[in-house]
All heavy atoms as atom14 arrays in JSON, in Angstrom:
{
  "sequence": "HYTGPQWLQGKRIATSYPHILQKYLKEQDVKAQIHIITGSVEITPLI",
  "atom14_mask": [
    [1, 1, 1, 1, 1, 1, 1, 1, 1, 1, 0, 0, 0, 0],
    [1, 1, 1, 1, 1, 1, 1, 1, 1, 1, 1, 1, 0, 0],
    [1, 1, 1, 1, 1, 1, 1, 0, 0, 0, 0, 0, 0, 0],
    [1, 1, 1, 1, 0, 0, 0, 0, 0, 0, 0, 0, 0, 0],
    [1, 1, 1, 1, 1, 1, 1, 0, 0, 0, 0, 0, 0, 0],
    [1, 1, 1, 1, 1, 1, 1, 1, 1, 0, 0, 0, 0, 0],
    [1, 1, 1, 1, 1, 1, 1, 1, 1, 1, 1, 1, 1, 1],
    [1, 1, 1, 1, 1, 1, 1, 1, 0, 0, 0, 0, 0, 0],
    [1, 1, 1, 1, 1, 1, 1, 1, 1, 0, 0, 0, 0, 0],
    [1, 1, 1, 1, 0, 0, 0, 0, 0, 0, 0, 0, 0, 0],
    [1, 1, 1, 1, 1, 1, 1, 1, 1, 0, 0, 0, 0, 0],
    [1, 1, 1, 1, 1, 1, 1, 1, 1, 1, 1, 0, 0, 0],
    [1, 1, 1, 1, 1, 1, 1, 1, 0, 0, 0, 0, 0, 0],
    [1, 1, 1, 1, 1, 0, 0, 0, 0, 0, 0, 0, 0, 0],
    [1, 1, 1, 1, 1, 1, 1, 0, 0, 0, 0, 0, 0, 0],
    [1, 1, 1, 1, 1, 1, 0, 0, 0, 0, 0, 0, 0, 0],
    [1, 1, 1, 1, 1, 1, 1, 1, 1, 1, 1, 1, 0, 0],
    [1, 1, 1, 1, 1, 1, 1, 0, 0, 0, 0, 0, 0, 0],
    [1, 1, 1, 1, 1, 1, 1, 1, 1, 1, 0, 0, 0, 0],
    [1, 1, 1, 1, 1, 1, 1, 1, 0, 0, 0, 0, 0, 0],
    [1, 1, 1, 1, 1, 1, 1, 1, 0, 0, 0, 0, 0, 0],
    [1, 1, 1, 1, 1, 1, 1, 1, 1, 0, 0, 0, 0, 0],
    [1, 1, 1, 1, 1, 1, 1, 1, 1, 0, 0, 0, 0, 0],
    [1, 1, 1, 1, 1, 1, 1, 1, 1, 1, 1, 1, 0, 0],
    [1, 1, 1, 1, 1, 1, 1, 1, 0, 0, 0, 0, 0, 0],
    [1, 1, 1, 1, 1, 1, 1, 1, 1, 0, 0, 0, 0, 0],
    [1, 1, 1, 1, 1, 1, 1, 1, 1, 0, 0, 0, 0, 0],
    [1, 1, 1, 1, 1, 1, 1, 1, 1, 0, 0, 0, 0, 0],
    [1, 1, 1, 1, 1, 1, 1, 1, 0, 0, 0, 0, 0, 0],
    [1, 1, 1, 1, 1, 1, 1, 0, 0, 0, 0, 0, 0, 0],
    [1, 1, 1, 1, 1, 1, 1, 1, 1, 0, 0, 0, 0, 0],
    [1, 1, 1, 1, 1, 0, 0, 0, 0, 0, 0, 0, 0, 0],
    [1, 1, 1, 1, 1, 1, 1, 1, 1, 0, 0, 0, 0, 0],
    [1, 1, 1, 1, 1, 1, 1, 1, 0, 0, 0, 0, 0, 0],
    [1, 1, 1, 1, 1, 1, 1, 1, 1, 1, 0, 0, 0, 0],
    [1, 1, 1, 1, 1, 1, 1, 1, 0, 0, 0, 0, 0, 0],
    [1, 1, 1, 1, 1, 1, 1, 1, 0, 0, 0, 0, 0, 0],
    [1, 1, 1, 1, 1, 1, 1, 0, 0, 0, 0, 0, 0, 0],
    [1, 1, 1, 1, 0, 0, 0, 0, 0, 0, 0, 0, 0, 0],
    [1, 1, 1, 1, 1, 1, 0, 0, 0, 0, 0, 0, 0, 0],
    [1, 1, 1, 1, 1, 1, 1, 0, 0, 0, 0, 0, 0, 0],
    [1, 1, 1, 1, 1, 1, 1, 1, 1, 0, 0, 0, 0, 0],
    [1, 1, 1, 1, 1, 1, 1, 1, 0, 0, 0, 0, 0, 0],
    [1, 1, 1, 1, 1, 1, 1, 0, 0, 0, 0, 0, 0, 0],
    [1, 1, 1, 1, 1, 1, 1, 0, 0, 0, 0, 0, 0, 0],
    [1, 1, 1, 1, 1, 1, 1, 1, 0, 0, 0, 0, 0, 0],
    [1, 1, 1, 1, 1, 1, 1, 1, 0, 0, 0, 0, 0, 0]
  ],
  "atom14_positions": [
    [[3.36, -15.39, -22.07], [2.85, -16.67, -21.44], [2.18, -16.32, -20.14], [2.83, -16.35, -19.06], [3.88, -17.66, -21.29], [3.4, -18.98, -20.68], [2.48, -19.79, -21.23], [3.91, -19.69, -19.5], [2.23, -20.83, -20.38], [3.06, -20.76, -19.4], [0.0, 0.0, 0.0], [0.0, 0.0, 0.0], [0.0, 0.0, 0.0], [0.0, 0.0, 0.0]],
    [[0.88, -15.96, -20.12], [0.13, -15.55, -18.97], [-0.24, -16.74, -18.14], [-0.79, -17.67, -18.62], [-1.03, -14.76, -19.39], [-1.86, -14.31, -18.12], [-1.46, -13.07, -17.49], [-2.99, -14.95, -17.73], [-2.24, -12.62, -16.38], [-3.72, -14.51, -16.59], [-3.3, -13.35, -16.01], [-3.96, -12.84, -14.77], [0.0, 0.0, 0.0], [0.0, 0.0, 0.0]],
    [[0.18, -16.74, -16.9], [-0.06, -17.95, -15.96], [-1.08, -17.66, -14.94], [-1.31, -18.47, -14.01], [1.35, -18.33, -15.33], [1.87, -17.19, -14.67], [2.21, -18.81, -16.44], [0.0, 0.0, 0.0], [0.0, 0.0, 0.0], [0.0, 0.0, 0.0], [0.0, 0.0, 0.0], [0.0, 0.0, 0.0], [0.0, 0.0, 0.0], [0.0, 0.0, 0.0]],
    [[-1.69, -16.55, -14.78], [-2.58, -16.19, -13.86], [-2.36, -14.87, -13.16], [-1.4, -14.23, -13.6], [0.0, 0.0, 0.0], [0.0, 0.0, 0.0], [0.0, 0.0, 0.0], [0.0, 0.0, 0.0], [0.0, 0.0, 0.0], [0.0, 0.0, 0.0], [0.0, 0.0, 0.0], [0.0, 0.0, 0.0], [0.0, 0.0, 0.0], [0.0, 0.0, 0.0]],
    [[-3.16, -14.45, -12.23], [-3.02, -13.02, -11.66], [-1.6, -12.75, -11.09], [-1.13, -11.56, -11.14], [-4.1, -12.94, -10.48], [-5.17, -13.96, -11.03], [-4.4, -15.1, -11.76], [0.0, 0.0, 0.0], [0.0, 0.0, 0.0], [0.0, 0.0, 0.0], [0.0, 0.0, 0.0], [0.0, 0.0, 0.0], [0.0, 0.0, 0.0], [0.0, 0.0, 0.0]],
    [[-0.87, -13.72, -10.64], [0.43, -13.6, -10.08], [1.45, -13.14, -11.15], [2.42, -12.53, -10.91], [0.9, -14.78, -9.39], [0.26, -15.14, -8.03], [0.4, -14.03, -7.07], [1.46, -13.47, -6.94], [-0.63, -13.61, -6.36], [0.0, 0.0, 0.0], [0.0, 0.0, 0.0], [0.0, 0.0, 0.0], [0.0, 0.0, 0.0], [0.0, 0.0, 0.0]],
    [[1.13, -13.48, -12.44], [2.0, -12.86, -13.52], [2.04, -11.39, -13.49], [3.06, -10.79, -14.01], [1.37, -13.35, -14.83], [2.15, -12.97, -16.06], [3.14, -13.74, -16.65], [1.98, -11.78, -16.81], [3.66, -13.08, -17.78], [3.01, -11.93, -17.88], [1.22, -10.61, -16.77], [3.27, -10.89, -18.87], [1.4, -9.63, -17.69], [2.38, -9.81, -18.69]],
    [[0.99, -10.8, -12.91], [0.92, -9.23, -12.94], [1.95, -8.65, -11.89], [2.16, -7.41, -11.74], [-0.4, -8.79, -12.7], [-1.39, -9.18, -13.83], [-2.76, -8.92, -13.25], [-1.27, -8.37, -15.0], [0.0, 0.0, 0.0], [0.0, 0.0, 0.0], [0.0, 0.0, 0.0], [0.0, 0.0, 0.0], [0.0, 0.0, 0.0], [0.0, 0.0, 0.0]],
    [[2.48, -9.5, -10.9], [3.38, -8.92, -9.9], [4.44, -8.15, -10.47], [5.26, -8.57, -11.26], [3.94, -10.14, -9.16], [4.77, -9.8, -7.85], [3.7, -9.36, -6.68], [2.55, -9.93, -6.62], [4.13, -8.55, -6.03], [0.0, 0.0, 0.0], [0.0, 0.0, 0.0], [0.0, 0.0, 0.0], [0.0, 0.0, 0.0], [0.0, 0.0, 0.0]],
    [[4.52, -6.84, -9.97], [5.57, -5.91, -10.46], [5.36, -5.44, -11.83], [6.28, -4.54, -12.28], [0.0, 0.0, 0.0], [0.0, 0.0, 0.0], [0.0, 0.0, 0.0], [0.0, 0.0, 0.0], [0.0, 0.0, 0.0], [0.0, 0.0, 0.0], [0.0, 0.0, 0.0], [0.0, 0.0, 0.0], [0.0, 0.0, 0.0], [0.0, 0.0, 0.0]],
    [[4.41, -5.78, -12.59], [4.21, -5.28, -13.92], [3.56, -3.9, -14.03], [2.94, -3.38, -13.03], [3.31, -6.31, -14.64], [3.92, -7.67, -14.88], [5.08, -7.72, -15.75], [5.37, -9.04, -16.24], [5.8, -10.05, -15.22], [0.0, 0.0, 0.0], [0.0, 0.0, 0.0], [0.0, 0.0, 0.0], [0.0, 0.0, 0.0], [0.0, 0.0, 0.0]],
    [[3.7, -3.3, -15.14], [3.09, -2.01, -15.3], [1.75, -2.21, -16.07], [1.7, -2.9, -17.12], [3.98, -1.02, -16.25], [5.39, -0.87, -15.73], [6.16, -0.3, -16.9], [6.4, -1.27, -17.91], [6.88, -0.96, -19.09], [7.26, 0.38, -19.41], [6.92, -1.82, -20.02], [0.0, 0.0, 0.0], [0.0, 0.0, 0.0], [0.0, 0.0, 0.0]],
    [[0.62, -1.66, -15.44], [-0.77, -1.92, -16.03], [-1.3, -0.5, -16.32], [-1.44, 0.36, -15.38], [-1.61, -2.63, -15.03], [-0.95, -3.97, -14.5], [-2.95, -2.97, -15.7], [-1.75, -4.74, -13.56], [0.0, 0.0, 0.0], [0.0, 0.0, 0.0], [0.0, 0.0, 0.0], [0.0, 0.0, 0.0], [0.0, 0.0, 0.0], [0.0, 0.0, 0.0]],
    [[-1.73, -0.18, -17.56], [-2.28, 0.95, -18.0], [-3.79, 0.77, -17.92], [-4.39, -0.18, -18.36], [-1.87, 1.36, -19.41], [0.0, 0.0, 0.0], [0.0, 0.0, 0.0], [0.0, 0.0, 0.0], [0.0, 0.0, 0.0], [0.0, 0.0, 0.0], [0.0, 0.0, 0.0], [0.0, 0.0, 0.0], [0.0, 0.0, 0.0], [0.0, 0.0, 0.0]],
    [[-4.5, 1.77, -17.35], [-5.96, 1.75, -17.27], [-6.55, 3.14, -17.05], [-5.94, 4.04, -16.57], [-6.38, 0.98, -16.05], [-7.79, 0.72, -15.96], [-5.9, 1.55, -14.81], [0.0, 0.0, 0.0], [0.0, 0.0, 0.0], [0.0, 0.0, 0.0], [0.0, 0.0, 0.0], [0.0, 0.0, 0.0], [0.0, 0.0, 0.0], [0.0, 0.0, 0.0]],
    [[-7.92, 3.25, -17.39], [-8.66, 4.41, -17.05], [-9.52, 4.17, -15.78], [-10.34, 4.98, -15.34], [-9.61, 4.73, -18.19], [-8.89, 5.11, -19.37], [0.0, 0.0, 0.0], [0.0, 0.0, 0.0], [0.0, 0.0, 0.0], [0.0, 0.0, 0.0], [0.0, 0.0, 0.0], [0.0, 0.0, 0.0], [0.0, 0.0, 0.0], [0.0, 0.0, 0.0]],
    [[-9.35, 2.98, -15.21], [-10.1, 2.52, -14.05], [-9.29, 2.15, -12.98], [-9.16, 0.95, -12.5], [-11.0, 1.36, -14.45], [-12.11, 1.79, -15.52], [-11.84, 1.72, -16.78], [-13.35, 2.38, -15.09], [-12.71, 2.16, -17.82], [-14.27, 2.86, -16.05], [-13.95, 2.67, -17.46], [-14.79, 3.06, -18.36], [0.0, 0.0, 0.0], [0.0, 0.0, 0.0]],
    [[-8.47, 3.07, -12.33], [-7.47, 2.61, -11.36], [-8.17, 2.16, -10.06], [-7.55, 1.26, -9.35], [-6.74, 3.94, -11.08], [-7.62, 5.05, -11.55], [-8.41, 4.45, -12.61], [0.0, 0.0, 0.0], [0.0, 0.0, 0.0], [0.0, 0.0, 0.0], [0.0, 0.0, 0.0], [0.0, 0.0, 0.0], [0.0, 0.0, 0.0], [0.0, 0.0, 0.0]],
    [[-9.34, 2.67, -9.65], [-9.85, 2.25, -8.39], [-10.27, 0.77, -8.47], [-10.08, 0.0, -7.46], [-11.11, 3.15, -8.1], [-11.82, 2.8, -6.82], [-11.43, 3.11, -5.66], [-13.05, 2.05, -6.64], [-12.29, 2.68, -4.75], [-13.2, 1.94, -5.27], [0.0, 0.0, 0.0], [0.0, 0.0, 0.0], [0.0, 0.0, 0.0], [0.0, 0.0, 0.0]],
    [[-10.97, 0.34, -9.44], [-11.46, -1.0, -9.61], [-10.23, -2.0, -9.75], [-10.15, -3.12, -9.18], [-12.38, -1.15, -10.74], [-13.65, -0.28, -10.71], [-12.72, -2.68, -10.99], [-14.53, -0.28, -11.96], [0.0, 0.0, 0.0], [0.0, 0.0, 0.0], [0.0, 0.0, 0.0], [0.0, 0.0, 0.0], [0.0, 0.0, 0.0], [0.0, 0.0, 0.0]],
    [[-9.2, -1.54, -10.47], [-8.06, -2.41, -10.7], [-7.27, -2.56, -9.4], [-6.88, -3.6, -9.05], [-7.15, -1.68, -11.71], [-5.77, -2.53, -11.92], [-5.94, -3.92, -12.5], [-4.94, -1.68, -12.99], [0.0, 0.0, 0.0], [0.0, 0.0, 0.0], [0.0, 0.0, 0.0], [0.0, 0.0, 0.0], [0.0, 0.0, 0.0], [0.0, 0.0, 0.0]],
    [[-7.15, -1.44, -8.62], [-6.39, -1.59, -7.32], [-7.14, -2.53, -6.46], [-6.49, -3.29, -5.75], [-6.33, -0.09, -6.69], [-5.52, -0.13, -5.41], [-4.08, -0.54, -5.57], [-3.34, 0.03, -6.4], [-3.64, -1.66, -4.94], [0.0, 0.0, 0.0], [0.0, 0.0, 0.0], [0.0, 0.0, 0.0], [0.0, 0.0, 0.0], [0.0, 0.0, 0.0]],
    [[-8.44, -2.47, -6.35], [-9.14, -3.4, -5.51], [-9.02, -4.85, -5.94], [-8.86, -5.68, -5.05], [-10.68, -3.04, -5.59], [-11.64, -3.86, -4.68], [-13.01, -3.42, -4.78], [-13.91, -4.28, -3.93], [-15.37, -3.93, -4.05], [0.0, 0.0, 0.0], [0.0, 0.0, 0.0], [0.0, 0.0, 0.0], [0.0, 0.0, 0.0], [0.0, 0.0, 0.0]],
    [[-9.02, -5.02, -7.23], [-8.76, -6.37, -7.71], [-7.4, -6.95, -7.37], [-7.23, -8.05, -6.89], [-9.01, -6.41, -9.24], [-8.64, -7.78, -9.91], [-9.47, -8.9, -9.72], [-7.4, -7.93, -10.57], [-9.14, -10.04, -10.32], [-6.98, -9.1, -11.17], [-7.84, -10.18, -10.95], [-7.47, -11.42, -11.55], [0.0, 0.0, 0.0], [0.0, 0.0, 0.0]],
    [[-6.38, -6.12, -7.61], [-5.02, -6.48, -7.38], [-4.87, -6.8, -5.78], [-4.21, -7.79, -5.45], [-4.1, -5.39, -7.71], [-3.84, -5.18, -9.21], [-3.01, -3.96, -9.51], [-3.44, -6.39, -10.09], [0.0, 0.0, 0.0], [0.0, 0.0, 0.0], [0.0, 0.0, 0.0], [0.0, 0.0, 0.0], [0.0, 0.0, 0.0], [0.0, 0.0, 0.0]],
    [[-5.45, -6.04, -5.0], [-5.39, -6.28, -3.52], [-6.01, -7.53, -3.17], [-5.52, -8.3, -2.35], [-6.08, -5.1, -2.78], [-6.02, -5.25, -1.25], [-6.67, -4.03, -0.51], [-6.5, -4.14, 0.89], [-7.05, -2.95, 1.51], [0.0, 0.0, 0.0], [0.0, 0.0, 0.0], [0.0, 0.0, 0.0], [0.0, 0.0, 0.0], [0.0, 0.0, 0.0]],
    [[-7.1, -7.95, -3.84], [-7.82, -9.18, -3.51], [-6.85, -10.4, -4.09], [-7.01, -11.37, -3.36], [-9.19, -9.36, -4.42], [-10.21, -8.32, -3.8], [-11.42, -8.28, -4.63], [-11.4, -8.77, -5.81], [-12.44, -7.66, -4.19], [0.0, 0.0, 0.0], [0.0, 0.0, 0.0], [0.0, 0.0, 0.0], [0.0, 0.0, 0.0], [0.0, 0.0, 0.0]],
    [[-6.12, -10.15, -5.08], [-5.29, -11.21, -5.59], [-3.83, -11.18, -4.87], [-3.08, -11.93, -5.2], [-5.18, -11.04, -7.06], [-6.39, -11.12, -7.88], [-7.07, -12.49, -7.67], [-6.46, -13.49, -7.67], [-8.4, -12.35, -7.7], [0.0, 0.0, 0.0], [0.0, 0.0, 0.0], [0.0, 0.0, 0.0], [0.0, 0.0, 0.0], [0.0, 0.0, 0.0]],
    [[-3.66, -10.32, -3.91], [-2.48, -10.13, -3.2], [-1.28, -9.91, -4.29], [-0.22, -10.39, -4.15], [-2.14, -11.33, -2.37], [-0.96, -11.03, -1.42], [-0.75, -9.88, -1.1], [-0.27, -12.02, -0.96], [0.0, 0.0, 0.0], [0.0, 0.0, 0.0], [0.0, 0.0, 0.0], [0.0, 0.0, 0.0], [0.0, 0.0, 0.0], [0.0, 0.0, 0.0]],
    [[-1.56, -8.95, -5.27], [-0.56, -8.62, -6.27], [-0.25, -7.09, -6.2], [-1.12, -6.23, -5.99], [-1.21, -8.93, -7.8], [-0.33, -8.21, -8.78], [-1.35, -10.41, -7.95], [0.0, 0.0, 0.0], [0.0, 0.0, 0.0], [0.0, 0.0, 0.0], [0.0, 0.0, 0.0], [0.0, 0.0, 0.0], [0.0, 0.0, 0.0], [0.0, 0.0, 0.0]],
    [[0.98, -6.82, -6.25], [1.55, -5.39, -6.26], [1.97, -5.21, -7.68], [2.91, -5.81, -8.06], [2.63, -5.2, -5.27], [2.05, -5.28, -3.78], [3.18, -4.89, -2.86], [2.63, -4.96, -1.38], [3.74, -4.62, -0.45], [0.0, 0.0, 0.0], [0.0, 0.0, 0.0], [0.0, 0.0, 0.0], [0.0, 0.0, 0.0], [0.0, 0.0, 0.0]],
    [[1.38, -4.1, -8.33], [1.67, -3.76, -9.62], [1.77, -2.24, -9.79], [1.29, -1.64, -8.94], [0.77, -4.32, -10.7], [0.0, 0.0, 0.0], [0.0, 0.0, 0.0], [0.0, 0.0, 0.0], [0.0, 0.0, 0.0], [0.0, 0.0, 0.0], [0.0, 0.0, 0.0], [0.0, 0.0, 0.0], [0.0, 0.0, 0.0], [0.0, 0.0, 0.0]],
    [[2.33, -1.74, -10.89], [2.42, -0.26, -11.06], [1.12, 0.05, -11.93], [1.14, -0.4, -13.12], [3.63, 0.12, -11.8], [4.96, -0.18, -11.09], [6.26, 0.13, -11.91], [6.24, 1.07, -12.57], [7.18, -0.86, -11.84], [0.0, 0.0, 0.0], [0.0, 0.0, 0.0], [0.0, 0.0, 0.0], [0.0, 0.0, 0.0], [0.0, 0.0, 0.0]],
    [[0.38, 1.09, -11.42], [-0.81, 1.38, -12.16], [-0.56, 2.73, -12.81], [-0.2, 3.7, -12.11], [-2.02, 1.5, -11.23], [-2.4, 0.06, -10.59], [-3.24, 1.95, -11.99], [-3.49, 0.19, -9.67], [0.0, 0.0, 0.0], [0.0, 0.0, 0.0], [0.0, 0.0, 0.0], [0.0, 0.0, 0.0], [0.0, 0.0, 0.0], [0.0, 0.0, 0.0]],
    [[-0.61, 2.69, -14.19], [-0.49, 3.89, -14.88], [-1.89, 4.38, -15.4], [-2.49, 3.7, -16.25], [0.4, 3.69, -16.11], [1.81, 3.37, -15.66], [2.76, 4.44, -15.31], [2.54, 2.3, -15.58], [3.96, 3.83, -15.0], [3.79, 2.46, -15.17], [0.0, 0.0, 0.0], [0.0, 0.0, 0.0], [0.0, 0.0, 0.0], [0.0, 0.0, 0.0]],
    [[-2.38, 5.63, -15.0], [-3.58, 6.05, -15.37], [-3.53, 6.69, -16.69], [-2.79, 7.67, -16.92], [-4.11, 7.09, -14.36], [-4.26, 6.49, -12.95], [-5.58, 7.61, -14.71], [-4.66, 7.41, -11.83], [0.0, 0.0, 0.0], [0.0, 0.0, 0.0], [0.0, 0.0, 0.0], [0.0, 0.0, 0.0], [0.0, 0.0, 0.0], [0.0, 0.0, 0.0]],
    [[-4.29, 6.26, -17.7], [-4.33, 6.58, -19.04], [-5.73, 7.04, -19.45], [-6.72, 6.29, -19.19], [-3.83, 5.59, -20.03], [-2.47, 5.09, -19.69], [-3.8, 6.09, -21.39], [-1.31, 6.08, -19.82], [0.0, 0.0, 0.0], [0.0, 0.0, 0.0], [0.0, 0.0, 0.0], [0.0, 0.0, 0.0], [0.0, 0.0, 0.0], [0.0, 0.0, 0.0]],
    [[-5.95, 8.25, -19.97], [-7.31, 8.62, -20.18], [-7.66, 8.48, -21.69], [-8.8, 8.75, -22.13], [-7.57, 10.1, -19.93], [-6.5, 11.07, -20.55], [-7.45, 10.31, -18.45], [0.0, 0.0, 0.0], [0.0, 0.0, 0.0], [0.0, 0.0, 0.0], [0.0, 0.0, 0.0], [0.0, 0.0, 0.0], [0.0, 0.0, 0.0], [0.0, 0.0, 0.0]],
    [[-6.64, 8.1, -22.58], [-6.88, 8.0, -24.01], [-6.96, 6.51, -24.4], [-7.61, 5.7, -23.71], [0.0, 0.0, 0.0], [0.0, 0.0, 0.0], [0.0, 0.0, 0.0], [0.0, 0.0, 0.0], [0.0, 0.0, 0.0], [0.0, 0.0, 0.0], [0.0, 0.0, 0.0], [0.0, 0.0, 0.0], [0.0, 0.0, 0.0], [0.0, 0.0, 0.0]],
    [[-6.28, 6.23, -25.48], [-6.22, 4.91, -25.96], [-5.34, 3.93, -25.24], [-4.13, 3.8, -25.51], [-5.81, 4.89, -27.46], [-6.71, 5.72, -28.23], [0.0, 0.0, 0.0], [0.0, 0.0, 0.0], [0.0, 0.0, 0.0], [0.0, 0.0, 0.0], [0.0, 0.0, 0.0], [0.0, 0.0, 0.0], [0.0, 0.0, 0.0], [0.0, 0.0, 0.0]],
    [[-5.95, 3.31, -24.18], [-5.3, 2.36, -23.36], [-4.54, 1.25, -24.04], [-3.48, 0.81, -23.82], [-6.14, 1.95, -22.18], [-5.4, 0.88, -21.3], [-6.56, 3.05, -21.44], [0.0, 0.0, 0.0], [0.0, 0.0, 0.0], [0.0, 0.0, 0.0], [0.0, 0.0, 0.0], [0.0, 0.0, 0.0], [0.0, 0.0, 0.0], [0.0, 0.0, 0.0]],
    [[-5.23, 0.75, -25.13], [-4.81, -0.5, -25.81], [-3.53, -0.35, -26.46], [-2.8, -1.39, -26.93], [-5.86, -0.95, -26.69], [-6.19, -0.09, -27.88], [-7.14, 1.02, -27.57], [-7.67, 1.13, -26.41], [-7.51, 1.76, -28.47], [0.0, 0.0, 0.0], [0.0, 0.0, 0.0], [0.0, 0.0, 0.0], [0.0, 0.0, 0.0], [0.0, 0.0, 0.0]],
    [[-3.04, 0.9, -26.88], [-1.79, 0.97, -27.59], [-0.58, 1.03, -26.54], [0.57, 1.01, -27.12], [-1.86, 2.27, -28.46], [-1.75, 3.52, -27.62], [-2.97, 2.27, -29.39], [-1.5, 4.8, -28.4], [0.0, 0.0, 0.0], [0.0, 0.0, 0.0], [0.0, 0.0, 0.0], [0.0, 0.0, 0.0], [0.0, 0.0, 0.0], [0.0, 0.0, 0.0]],
    [[-0.85, 1.24, -25.36], [0.33, 1.39, -24.47], [1.36, 0.25, -24.49], [2.63, 0.4, -24.33], [-0.13, 1.73, -23.03], [-1.03, 0.59, -22.57], [-0.91, 2.99, -22.9], [0.0, 0.0, 0.0], [0.0, 0.0, 0.0], [0.0, 0.0, 0.0], [0.0, 0.0, 0.0], [0.0, 0.0, 0.0], [0.0, 0.0, 0.0], [0.0, 0.0, 0.0]],
    [[1.0, -1.04, -24.45], [1.93, -2.06, -24.65], [2.84, -2.08, -25.85], [3.91, -2.36, -25.89], [1.15, -3.43, -24.62], [-0.15, -2.98, -24.02], [-0.43, -1.7, -24.39], [0.0, 0.0, 0.0], [0.0, 0.0, 0.0], [0.0, 0.0, 0.0], [0.0, 0.0, 0.0], [0.0, 0.0, 0.0], [0.0, 0.0, 0.0], [0.0, 0.0, 0.0]],
    [[2.16, -1.5, -26.92], [2.96, -1.49, -28.22], [3.99, -0.41, -28.22], [4.99, -0.6, -28.86], [1.87, -1.11, -29.43], [0.83, -2.15, -29.66], [-0.16, -1.59, -30.76], [1.42, -3.49, -30.13], [0.0, 0.0, 0.0], [0.0, 0.0, 0.0], [0.0, 0.0, 0.0], [0.0, 0.0, 0.0], [0.0, 0.0, 0.0], [0.0, 0.0, 0.0]],
    [[3.9, 0.68, -27.38], [4.87, 1.63, -27.36], [5.65, 1.59, -25.99], [6.31, 2.55, -25.62], [4.2, 3.01, -27.4], [3.12, 3.33, -26.49], [3.6, 3.27, -28.94], [2.58, 4.64, -26.45], [0.0, 0.0, 0.0], [0.0, 0.0, 0.0], [0.0, 0.0, 0.0], [0.0, 0.0, 0.0], [0.0, 0.0, 0.0], [0.0, 0.0, 0.0]]
  ]
}
């Protein structure tokens, strides 16, 4: 049940674009764990 950017607070986010993501999270005043993935990012929540 996603309620907005604050839902991401403290969450683990997988991405190949950490720089853009970090900038976005800072703008939203959200602190999350960024996991850099170079392969198939979309499968990371499933595992």
